Amino acid sequence: MKIAFFIALGGGLGALSRYYLSKVMMNFFNTIYPIGTLTVNLLGAVLIGFFYGMLEKTIIPEELRIMISIGFLGAFTTFSTFALENINLFRDGEVKLALINILITNVVGILFVLVGILCAGLVIQR
């Protein structure tokens, strides 16, 4: 039951963070391109890479690890939203935007996981 509490706490915080960050980005850029979801997915990628790198070298209490990885990041990243938005872009004839979104999210997302791991290594060295 204690683990479920930490997952729910992290999940609530992750979902709220995703919602507000995505909304801020969409309002700032005022575009049909799903920049809010792209931002959340890329930030989520770098954060999961960072925490993965930290977990390799440090001992983090299980509750905190679960709250961050399963709860917060599980609710924060939005792959299902990403998929739906691409389907909608294709359906609306925005094939170029859909392909750009898929390419940027996947390629840059993988690179950002690596950046997160490398940043964790720098933090640990200090």
Protein backbone atom coordinates (compact mmCIF):
# COMPACT_ATOMS: atom_id res chain seq x y z
CA MET A 1 0.00 0.00 0.00
CA LYS A 2 2.90 2.34 0.76
CA ILE A 3 4.31 1.84 -2.75
CA ALA A 4 0.92 2.64 -4.31
CA PHE A 5 0.85 5.92 -2.39
CA PHE A 6 4.25 6.96 -3.78
CA ILE A 7 3.25 5.99 -7.34
CA ALA A 8 0.02 7.97 -7.01
CA LEU A 9 1.82 10.98 -5.53
CA GLY A 10 4.43 10.99 -8.30
CA GLY A 11 1.77 10.32 -10.93
CA GLY A 12 -0.35 13.23 -9.79
CA LEU A 13 2.62 15.58 -9.86
CA GLY A 14 3.74 14.24 -13.24
CA ALA A 15 0.31 14.61 -14.81
CA LEU A 16 -0.10 18.16 -13.52
CA SER A 17 3.40 19.07 -14.70
CA ARG A 18 2.69 17.63 -18.15
CA TYR A 19 -0.57 19.52 -18.44
CA TYR A 20 0.78 22.91 -17.40
CA LEU A 21 4.07 22.70 -19.32
CA SER A 22 2.28 21.59 -22.47
CA LYS A 23 -0.29 24.39 -22.10
CA VAL A 24 2.43 27.02 -21.57
CA MET A 25 4.34 25.84 -24.65
CA MET A 26 1.24 25.76 -26.86
CA ASN A 27 0.23 29.25 -25.73
CA PHE A 28 3.75 30.62 -26.16
CA PHE A 29 4.29 29.26 -29.69
CA ASN A 30 0.63 29.50 -30.82
CA THR A 31 0.93 26.81 -33.50
CA ILE A 32 -0.92 23.70 -34.66
CA TYR A 33 2.33 21.77 -34.29
CA PRO A 34 2.16 19.77 -31.01
CA ILE A 35 5.09 21.62 -29.44
CA GLY A 36 3.77 21.06 -25.92
CA THR A 37 3.85 17.29 -26.27
CA LEU A 38 7.23 17.42 -28.01
CA THR A 39 8.64 19.50 -25.14
CA VAL A 40 7.23 17.16 -22.50
CA ASN A 41 8.50 14.04 -24.30
CA LEU A 42 12.01 15.45 -24.76
CA LEU A 43 12.20 16.74 -21.20
CA GLY A 44 10.90 13.39 -19.98
CA ALA A 45 13.60 11.65 -22.01
CA VAL A 46 16.40 13.71 -20.49
CA LEU A 47 14.95 13.29 -16.98
CA ILE A 48 14.65 9.51 -17.26
CA GLY A 49 18.21 9.37 -18.59
CA PHE A 50 19.41 11.49 -15.68
CA PHE A 51 17.67 9.35 -13.05
CA TYR A 52 18.84 6.15 -14.74
CA GLY A 53 22.39 7.47 -14.60
CA MET A 54 21.98 8.45 -10.96
CA LEU A 55 20.58 5.02 -10.05
CA GLU A 56 23.63 3.32 -11.56
CA LYS A 57 25.97 5.11 -9.14
CA THR A 58 23.95 6.00 -6.04
CA ILE A 59 21.56 4.41 -3.64
CA ILE A 60 18.16 6.06 -3.73
CA PRO A 61 15.41 4.80 -1.41
CA GLU A 62 13.01 2.46 -3.23
CA GLU A 63 10.01 4.69 -2.50
CA LEU A 64 11.68 7.73 -4.07
CA ARG A 65 12.90 5.73 -7.07
CA ILE A 66 9.40 4.36 -7.68
CA MET A 67 7.75 7.74 -7.12
CA ILE A 68 10.05 9.40 -9.70
CA SER A 69 10.36 6.69 -12.35
CA ILE A 70 6.97 4.98 -12.34
CA GLY A 71 4.85 7.75 -10.84
CA PHE A 72 6.15 11.12 -11.99
CA LEU A 73 7.85 10.22 -15.28
CA GLY A 74 5.21 7.61 -16.15
CA ALA A 75 2.51 10.27 -15.92
CA PHE A 76 4.67 13.10 -17.28
CA THR A 77 5.73 11.58 -20.59
CA THR A 78 3.00 11.42 -23.14
CA PHE A 79 3.70 8.86 -25.81
CA SER A 80 0.05 7.98 -26.19
CA THR A 81 -0.78 11.64 -26.74
CA PHE A 82 2.13 11.84 -29.17
CA ALA A 83 0.73 8.94 -31.19
CA LEU A 84 -2.77 10.38 -31.29
CA GLU A 85 -1.54 13.83 -32.34
CA ASN A 86 0.42 12.28 -35.20
CA ILE A 87 -2.63 10.34 -36.35
CA ASN A 88 -4.58 13.61 -36.29
CA LEU A 89 -1.87 15.41 -38.26
CA PHE A 90 -1.89 12.64 -40.90
CA ARG A 91 -5.71 12.69 -40.99
CA ASP A 92 -5.69 16.46 -41.46
CA GLY A 93 -3.26 16.19 -44.38
CA GLU A 94 -0.32 17.57 -42.38
CA VAL A 95 1.96 14.69 -43.42
CA LYS A 96 5.15 16.77 -43.36
CA LEU A 97 4.45 18.03 -39.82
CA ALA A 98 3.62 14.52 -38.63
CA LEU A 99 6.84 13.08 -40.06
CA ILE A 100 8.92 15.94 -38.63
CA ASN A 101 7.31 15.40 -35.23
CA ILE A 102 7.96 11.64 -35.30
CA LEU A 103 11.59 12.12 -36.39
CA ILE A 104 12.44 14.87 -33.90
CA THR A 105 10.77 13.18 -30.96
CA ASN A 106 12.44 9.83 -31.56
CA VAL A 107 15.94 10.86 -32.64
CA VAL A 108 16.33 13.82 -30.29
CA GLY A 109 14.59 11.88 -27.50
CA ILE A 110 17.18 9.10 -27.70
CA LEU A 111 19.97 11.68 -27.74
CA PHE A 112 18.43 13.43 -24.71
CA VAL A 113 18.38 10.16 -22.74
CA LEU A 114 22.13 9.97 -23.40
CA VAL A 115 22.53 13.62 -22.34
CA GLY A 116 20.68 12.86 -19.11
CA ILE A 117 22.96 9.90 -18.38
CA LEU A 118 26.05 12.02 -19.09
CA CYS A 119 24.73 14.85 -16.85
CA ALA A 120 24.13 12.36 -14.06
CA GLY A 121 27.73 11.23 -14.42
CA LEU A 122 28.92 14.83 -14.06
CA VAL A 123 26.76 15.37 -10.98
CA ILE A 124 28.02 12.17 -9.38
CA GLN A 125 31.67 13.13 -10.01
CA ARG A 126 31.26 16.32 -7.97
